[in-house]
Amino acid sequence: MKEKTLCLIKPDAYERQLVGKIITMIEKNGFAIKAISFLKLSKNEAEQFYYIHKNKKFFNGLVKYMSSGYTVCMVLEKANAVEELRNLMGNTTPLKAKKGTIRNKFGIDIRHNSIHGSDSIVNAKKEITFFFKGVI
């Protein structure tokens, strides 16, 4: 059964003109893009989206980074989409990411790792709703 997941191409990848390369990898791995938009998160929107991390040391830096430039937001669909995208993205830390994954190829460090993907089906629904009203 197909499921949907949220994918964000982060500001560092947008700035380095990697959007096309990342989308090509996503499509070559069998994902269908069901919705796509470009936006610049406000500080408030970034705080809302990453609220789950509010009490963590990295929260303020993450908010500042995610509101610093443009982000590409996508709803992707595929069988087992959440797990498949997480495998394609690789480890959060690019140096630990499996060779050939998006973060291994394009990530700079743990914050500037080029891509975000939902970590569960429950969170995918919440995250998709945050960016795309009425897609789920």
N, C-alpha and C. Protein backbone atom coordinates (compact mmCIF):
# COMPACT_ATOMS: atom_id res chain seq x y z
N MET A 1 0.84 -1.19 0.00
CA MET A 1 0.00 0.00 0.00
C MET A 1 0.89 1.25 0.00
N LYS A 2 0.52 2.21 -0.80
CA LYS A 2 1.30 3.45 -0.88
C LYS A 2 1.01 4.32 0.33
N GLU A 3 2.03 5.04 0.76
CA GLU A 3 1.87 6.02 1.83
C GLU A 3 2.55 7.32 1.42
N LYS A 4 2.24 8.37 2.14
CA LYS A 4 2.82 9.68 1.85
C LYS A 4 3.78 10.08 2.97
N THR A 5 4.77 10.87 2.60
CA THR A 5 5.70 11.44 3.57
C THR A 5 6.06 12.85 3.14
N LEU A 6 6.50 13.64 4.10
CA LEU A 6 6.95 14.99 3.80
C LEU A 6 8.45 14.98 3.56
N CYS A 7 8.88 15.76 2.60
CA CYS A 7 10.30 15.93 2.32
C CYS A 7 10.58 17.43 2.18
N LEU A 8 11.60 17.89 2.88
CA LEU A 8 12.04 19.28 2.76
C LEU A 8 13.46 19.28 2.23
N ILE A 9 13.70 20.02 1.18
CA ILE A 9 15.06 20.30 0.74
C ILE A 9 15.42 21.61 1.42
N LYS A 10 16.41 21.53 2.29
CA LYS A 10 16.73 22.61 3.21
C LYS A 10 17.47 23.77 2.54
N PRO A 11 17.53 24.91 3.25
CA PRO A 11 18.17 26.10 2.68
C PRO A 11 19.59 25.91 2.17
N ASP A 12 20.40 25.08 2.84
CA ASP A 12 21.78 24.92 2.37
C ASP A 12 21.82 24.28 0.99
N ALA A 13 20.96 23.31 0.73
CA ALA A 13 20.92 22.66 -0.58
C ALA A 13 20.34 23.60 -1.63
N TYR A 14 19.34 24.39 -1.25
CA TYR A 14 18.76 25.37 -2.17
C TYR A 14 19.82 26.38 -2.58
N GLU A 15 20.57 26.90 -1.61
CA GLU A 15 21.61 27.90 -1.88
C GLU A 15 22.71 27.35 -2.78
N ARG A 16 23.01 26.06 -2.64
CA ARG A 16 24.08 25.45 -3.43
C ARG A 16 23.57 24.88 -4.75
N GLN A 17 22.33 25.18 -5.10
CA GLN A 17 21.70 24.76 -6.35
C GLN A 17 21.71 23.24 -6.53
N LEU A 18 21.29 22.54 -5.47
CA LEU A 18 21.24 21.09 -5.49
C LEU A 18 19.82 20.53 -5.61
N VAL A 19 18.83 21.41 -5.72
CA VAL A 19 17.44 20.98 -5.74
C VAL A 19 17.19 19.96 -6.85
N GLY A 20 17.61 20.25 -8.06
CA GLY A 20 17.38 19.34 -9.19
C GLY A 20 18.04 17.99 -8.98
N LYS A 21 19.26 17.98 -8.47
CA LYS A 21 19.97 16.72 -8.23
C LYS A 21 19.26 15.89 -7.17
N ILE A 22 18.79 16.54 -6.12
CA ILE A 22 18.10 15.81 -5.05
C ILE A 22 16.77 15.28 -5.55
N ILE A 23 16.01 16.09 -6.26
CA ILE A 23 14.73 15.63 -6.80
C ILE A 23 14.94 14.48 -7.78
N THR A 24 15.98 14.54 -8.58
CA THR A 24 16.28 13.45 -9.51
C THR A 24 16.54 12.16 -8.74
N MET A 25 17.31 12.22 -7.66
CA MET A 25 17.55 11.02 -6.85
C MET A 25 16.25 10.48 -6.27
N ILE A 26 15.40 11.38 -5.80
CA ILE A 26 14.12 10.97 -5.22
C ILE A 26 13.27 10.27 -6.28
N GLU A 27 13.15 10.87 -7.46
CA GLU A 27 12.33 10.27 -8.52
C GLU A 27 12.93 8.96 -9.02
N LYS A 28 14.24 8.88 -9.15
CA LYS A 28 14.88 7.63 -9.60
C LYS A 28 14.66 6.50 -8.61
N ASN A 29 14.35 6.84 -7.36
CA ASN A 29 14.07 5.83 -6.35
C ASN A 29 12.58 5.53 -6.23
N GLY A 30 11.81 5.93 -7.22
CA GLY A 30 10.42 5.50 -7.32
C GLY A 30 9.39 6.34 -6.58
N PHE A 31 9.78 7.48 -6.06
CA PHE A 31 8.82 8.34 -5.39
C PHE A 31 8.06 9.18 -6.40
N ALA A 32 6.78 9.35 -6.16
CA ALA A 32 5.95 10.27 -6.96
C ALA A 32 5.79 11.55 -6.15
N ILE A 33 5.99 12.69 -6.79
CA ILE A 33 5.79 13.98 -6.13
C ILE A 33 4.31 14.34 -6.27
N LYS A 34 3.61 14.40 -5.14
CA LYS A 34 2.18 14.67 -5.13
C LYS A 34 1.86 16.14 -4.89
N ALA A 35 2.81 16.88 -4.29
CA ALA A 35 2.66 18.32 -4.09
C ALA A 35 4.07 18.88 -3.90
N ILE A 36 4.26 20.12 -4.36
CA ILE A 36 5.57 20.76 -4.22
C ILE A 36 5.38 22.27 -4.09
N SER A 37 6.19 22.89 -3.25
CA SER A 37 6.18 24.35 -3.15
C SER A 37 7.54 24.83 -2.68
N PHE A 38 7.81 26.08 -2.96
CA PHE A 38 9.02 26.76 -2.51
C PHE A 38 8.55 27.81 -1.51
N LEU A 39 9.25 27.93 -0.39
CA LEU A 39 8.87 28.96 0.57
C LEU A 39 10.06 29.34 1.44
N LYS A 40 9.91 30.44 2.10
CA LYS A 40 10.89 30.88 3.09
C LYS A 40 10.15 30.91 4.41
N LEU A 41 10.50 29.99 5.30
CA LEU A 41 9.85 29.93 6.60
C LEU A 41 10.15 31.18 7.41
N SER A 42 9.15 31.70 8.07
CA SER A 42 9.40 32.77 9.04
C SER A 42 9.96 32.12 10.31
N LYS A 43 10.50 32.93 11.18
CA LYS A 43 11.02 32.41 12.45
C LYS A 43 9.90 31.72 13.21
N ASN A 44 8.74 32.32 13.23
CA ASN A 44 7.58 31.75 13.93
C ASN A 44 7.17 30.40 13.32
N GLU A 45 7.14 30.30 12.00
CA GLU A 45 6.78 29.03 11.34
C GLU A 45 7.81 27.95 11.65
N ALA A 46 9.08 28.29 11.63
CA ALA A 46 10.14 27.33 11.95
C ALA A 46 10.01 26.86 13.41
N GLU A 47 9.70 27.78 14.30
CA GLU A 47 9.49 27.41 15.70
C GLU A 47 8.31 26.47 15.85
N GLN A 48 7.24 26.73 15.12
CA GLN A 48 6.07 25.86 15.18
C GLN A 48 6.38 24.48 14.62
N PHE A 49 7.05 24.43 13.48
CA PHE A 49 7.33 23.16 12.83
C PHE A 49 8.26 22.29 13.69
N TYR A 50 9.26 22.89 14.30
CA TYR A 50 10.24 22.14 15.09
C TYR A 50 9.95 22.19 16.59
N TYR A 51 8.70 22.47 16.93
CA TYR A 51 8.29 22.60 18.33
C TYR A 51 8.69 21.40 19.18
N ILE A 52 8.67 20.21 18.60
CA ILE A 52 9.03 18.98 19.31
C ILE A 52 10.44 19.07 19.92
N HIS A 53 11.28 19.90 19.33
CA HIS A 53 12.66 20.05 19.80
C HIS A 53 12.87 21.30 20.67
N LYS A 54 11.78 21.93 21.09
CA LYS A 54 11.81 23.22 21.79
C LYS A 54 12.80 23.26 22.95
N ASN A 55 12.91 22.21 23.70
CA ASN A 55 13.75 22.21 24.90
C ASN A 55 15.16 21.65 24.67
N LYS A 56 15.51 21.45 23.43
CA LYS A 56 16.84 20.92 23.11
C LYS A 56 17.80 22.07 22.81
N LYS A 57 19.07 21.82 23.06
CA LYS A 57 20.10 22.85 22.89
C LYS A 57 20.16 23.41 21.47
N PHE A 58 19.89 22.57 20.51
CA PHE A 58 20.04 22.98 19.11
C PHE A 58 18.84 23.71 18.54
N PHE A 59 17.77 23.86 19.31
CA PHE A 59 16.51 24.41 18.80
C PHE A 59 16.68 25.80 18.18
N ASN A 60 17.27 26.74 18.89
CA ASN A 60 17.38 28.11 18.38
C ASN A 60 18.21 28.17 17.10
N GLY A 61 19.30 27.42 17.06
CA GLY A 61 20.13 27.38 15.85
C GLY A 61 19.39 26.78 14.68
N LEU A 62 18.61 25.73 14.95
CA LEU A 62 17.82 25.09 13.90
C LEU A 62 16.77 26.05 13.35
N VAL A 63 16.10 26.74 14.21
CA VAL A 63 15.08 27.72 13.80
C VAL A 63 15.72 28.82 12.95
N LYS A 64 16.84 29.33 13.42
CA LYS A 64 17.53 30.39 12.67
C LYS A 64 17.94 29.90 11.29
N TYR A 65 18.50 28.71 11.23
CA TYR A 65 18.93 28.13 9.95
C TYR A 65 17.75 27.89 9.01
N MET A 66 16.69 27.27 9.53
CA MET A 66 15.55 26.92 8.66
C MET A 66 14.78 28.15 8.18
N SER A 67 14.94 29.28 8.86
CA SER A 67 14.27 30.51 8.41
C SER A 67 15.25 31.43 7.67
N SER A 68 16.43 30.93 7.37
CA SER A 68 17.47 31.76 6.74
C SER A 68 17.40 31.82 5.22
N GLY A 69 16.66 30.92 4.61
CA GLY A 69 16.61 30.89 3.15
C GLY A 69 15.45 30.04 2.66
N TYR A 70 15.44 29.78 1.38
CA TYR A 70 14.33 29.05 0.78
C TYR A 70 14.41 27.56 1.05
N THR A 71 13.24 26.96 1.16
CA THR A 71 13.07 25.53 1.37
C THR A 71 12.12 25.01 0.30
N VAL A 72 12.39 23.83 -0.21
CA VAL A 72 11.49 23.16 -1.14
C VAL A 72 10.73 22.12 -0.33
N CYS A 73 9.41 22.22 -0.33
CA CYS A 73 8.55 21.31 0.42
C CYS A 73 7.85 20.38 -0.57
N MET A 74 7.88 19.08 -0.26
CA MET A 74 7.24 18.11 -1.15
C MET A 74 6.47 17.07 -0.36
N VAL A 75 5.37 16.63 -0.93
CA VAL A 75 4.69 15.44 -0.46
C VAL A 75 5.07 14.35 -1.44
N LEU A 76 5.67 13.29 -0.91
CA LEU A 76 6.11 12.18 -1.74
C LEU A 76 5.25 10.96 -1.45
N GLU A 77 5.04 10.15 -2.48
CA GLU A 77 4.22 8.95 -2.32
C GLU A 77 4.95 7.74 -2.89
N LYS A 78 4.85 6.65 -2.16
CA LYS A 78 5.48 5.39 -2.56
C LYS A 78 5.08 4.35 -1.52
N ALA A 79 5.15 3.10 -1.86
CA ALA A 79 4.97 2.07 -0.85
C ALA A 79 6.06 2.24 0.20
N ASN A 80 5.67 2.22 1.48
CA ASN A 80 6.63 2.34 2.57
C ASN A 80 7.45 3.64 2.47
N ALA A 81 6.79 4.72 2.11
CA ALA A 81 7.45 5.98 1.79
C ALA A 81 8.32 6.55 2.93
N VAL A 82 7.82 6.49 4.16
CA VAL A 82 8.57 7.08 5.27
C VAL A 82 9.92 6.38 5.41
N GLU A 83 9.90 5.07 5.52
CA GLU A 83 11.15 4.32 5.69
C GLU A 83 12.04 4.42 4.46
N GLU A 84 11.45 4.33 3.27
CA GLU A 84 12.24 4.40 2.04
C GLU A 84 12.95 5.75 1.89
N LEU A 85 12.25 6.85 2.23
CA LEU A 85 12.90 8.15 2.13
C LEU A 85 14.00 8.29 3.18
N ARG A 86 13.76 7.79 4.38
CA ARG A 86 14.79 7.87 5.42
C ARG A 86 16.04 7.09 4.99
N ASN A 87 15.85 5.96 4.35
CA ASN A 87 16.99 5.19 3.84
C ASN A 87 17.73 5.97 2.75
N LEU A 88 16.99 6.61 1.87
CA LEU A 88 17.59 7.39 0.78
C LEU A 88 18.32 8.62 1.32
N MET A 89 17.79 9.24 2.38
CA MET A 89 18.42 10.42 2.96
C MET A 89 19.74 10.06 3.64
N GLY A 90 19.76 8.98 4.39
CA GLY A 90 20.95 8.60 5.14
C GLY A 90 20.97 9.21 6.53
N ASN A 91 22.00 8.88 7.28
CA ASN A 91 22.17 9.34 8.64
C ASN A 91 22.15 10.87 8.71
N THR A 92 21.61 11.40 9.81
CA THR A 92 21.54 12.84 10.01
C THR A 92 22.91 13.51 9.90
N THR A 93 23.94 12.82 10.37
CA THR A 93 25.30 13.32 10.28
C THR A 93 25.90 12.84 8.95
N PRO A 94 26.15 13.74 8.02
CA PRO A 94 26.62 13.33 6.69
C PRO A 94 27.84 12.41 6.69
N LEU A 95 28.79 12.61 7.60
CA LEU A 95 29.98 11.77 7.64
C LEU A 95 29.65 10.33 8.04
N LYS A 96 28.51 10.12 8.70
CA LYS A 96 28.09 8.78 9.11
C LYS A 96 27.09 8.17 8.12
N ALA A 97 26.65 8.96 7.17
CA ALA A 97 25.63 8.49 6.21
C ALA A 97 26.23 7.49 5.23
N LYS A 98 25.43 6.49 4.90
CA LYS A 98 25.84 5.46 3.95
C LYS A 98 26.19 6.09 2.60
N LYS A 99 27.23 5.57 1.98
CA LYS A 99 27.68 6.08 0.68
C LYS A 99 26.52 6.04 -0.33
N GLY A 100 26.39 7.13 -1.07
CA GLY A 100 25.37 7.23 -2.10
C GLY A 100 24.05 7.81 -1.63
N THR A 101 23.90 8.03 -0.31
CA THR A 101 22.67 8.64 0.18
C THR A 101 22.74 10.15 -0.05
N ILE A 102 21.61 10.81 0.05
CA ILE A 102 21.54 12.25 -0.19
C ILE A 102 22.45 13.01 0.78
N ARG A 103 22.37 12.67 2.05
CA ARG A 103 23.19 13.39 3.03
C ARG A 103 24.68 13.09 2.86
N ASN A 104 25.01 11.88 2.46
CA ASN A 104 26.41 11.54 2.20
C ASN A 104 26.95 12.35 1.03
N LYS A 105 26.14 12.50 0.00
CA LYS A 105 26.59 13.21 -1.21
C LYS A 105 26.59 14.72 -1.05
N PHE A 106 25.58 15.26 -0.35
CA PHE A 106 25.37 16.70 -0.36
C PHE A 106 25.44 17.39 1.00
N GLY A 107 25.33 16.64 2.09
CA GLY A 107 25.30 17.23 3.42
C GLY A 107 26.65 17.82 3.82
N ILE A 108 26.61 18.87 4.61
CA ILE A 108 27.81 19.54 5.10
C ILE A 108 28.10 19.12 6.55
N ASP A 109 27.06 19.20 7.39
CA ASP A 109 27.17 18.82 8.79
C ASP A 109 25.78 18.45 9.29
N ILE A 110 25.67 18.17 10.59
CA ILE A 110 24.39 17.69 11.14
C ILE A 110 23.24 18.66 10.91
N ARG A 111 23.49 19.97 10.95
CA ARG A 111 22.43 20.93 10.71
C ARG A 111 22.24 21.18 9.21
N HIS A 112 23.32 21.34 8.51
CA HIS A 112 23.28 21.62 7.06
C HIS A 112 23.39 20.30 6.29
N ASN A 113 22.39 19.44 6.52
CA ASN A 113 22.43 18.11 5.92
C ASN A 113 21.51 17.97 4.70
N SER A 114 21.04 19.08 4.21
CA SER A 114 20.37 19.22 2.91
C SER A 114 18.92 18.76 2.83
N ILE A 115 18.47 17.87 3.72
CA ILE A 115 17.14 17.30 3.53
C ILE A 115 16.52 16.88 4.86
N HIS A 116 15.20 16.97 4.90
CA HIS A 116 14.41 16.49 6.04
C HIS A 116 13.36 15.54 5.50
N GLY A 117 13.10 14.49 6.23
CA GLY A 117 12.00 13.58 5.91
C GLY A 117 11.29 13.19 7.19
N SER A 118 10.01 12.96 7.10
CA SER A 118 9.23 12.56 8.27
C SER A 118 9.81 11.27 8.87
N ASP A 119 9.71 11.15 10.20
CA ASP A 119 10.28 9.97 10.86
C ASP A 119 9.26 8.90 11.22
N SER A 120 7.99 9.16 10.94
CA SER A 120 6.94 8.17 11.19
C SER A 120 5.72 8.52 10.35
N ILE A 121 4.82 7.57 10.21
CA ILE A 121 3.58 7.83 9.46
C ILE A 121 2.75 8.89 10.18
N VAL A 122 2.69 8.81 11.50
CA VAL A 122 1.93 9.79 12.30
C VAL A 122 2.50 11.19 12.08
N ASN A 123 3.83 11.33 12.18
CA ASN A 123 4.44 12.65 11.98
C ASN A 123 4.34 13.11 10.54
N ALA A 124 4.37 12.18 9.59
CA ALA A 124 4.22 12.55 8.18
C ALA A 124 2.88 13.25 7.97
N LYS A 125 1.83 12.72 8.55
CA LYS A 125 0.50 13.34 8.41
C LYS A 125 0.48 14.74 9.01
N LYS A 126 1.08 14.89 10.18
CA LYS A 126 1.13 16.20 10.84
C LYS A 126 1.95 17.19 10.01
N GLU A 127 3.11 16.74 9.55
CA GLU A 127 4.01 17.62 8.81
C GLU A 127 3.42 18.01 7.45
N ILE A 128 2.80 17.07 6.78
CA ILE A 128 2.17 17.39 5.49
C ILE A 128 1.07 18.42 5.70
N THR A 129 0.28 18.24 6.73
CA THR A 129 -0.80 19.18 7.02
C THR A 129 -0.25 20.57 7.34
N PHE A 130 0.90 20.63 7.99
CA PHE A 130 1.53 21.92 8.32
C PHE A 130 1.81 22.73 7.05
N PHE A 131 2.31 22.06 6.00
CA PHE A 131 2.71 22.75 4.77
C PHE A 131 1.66 22.72 3.67
N PHE A 132 0.83 21.68 3.65
CA PHE A 132 -0.12 21.48 2.54
C PHE A 132 -1.48 21.13 3.11
N LYS A 133 -2.34 22.08 3.19
CA LYS A 133 -3.69 21.82 3.67
C LYS A 133 -4.48 21.02 2.64
N GLY A 134 -5.10 19.94 3.09
CA GLY A 134 -5.97 19.15 2.21
C GLY A 134 -5.30 18.15 1.31
N VAL A 135 -4.00 17.87 1.50
CA VAL A 135 -3.33 16.89 0.64
C VAL A 135 -3.53 15.48 1.15
N ILE A 136 -3.66 15.31 2.45
CA ILE A 136 -3.86 13.95 3.00
C ILE A 136 -5.34 13.65 3.05
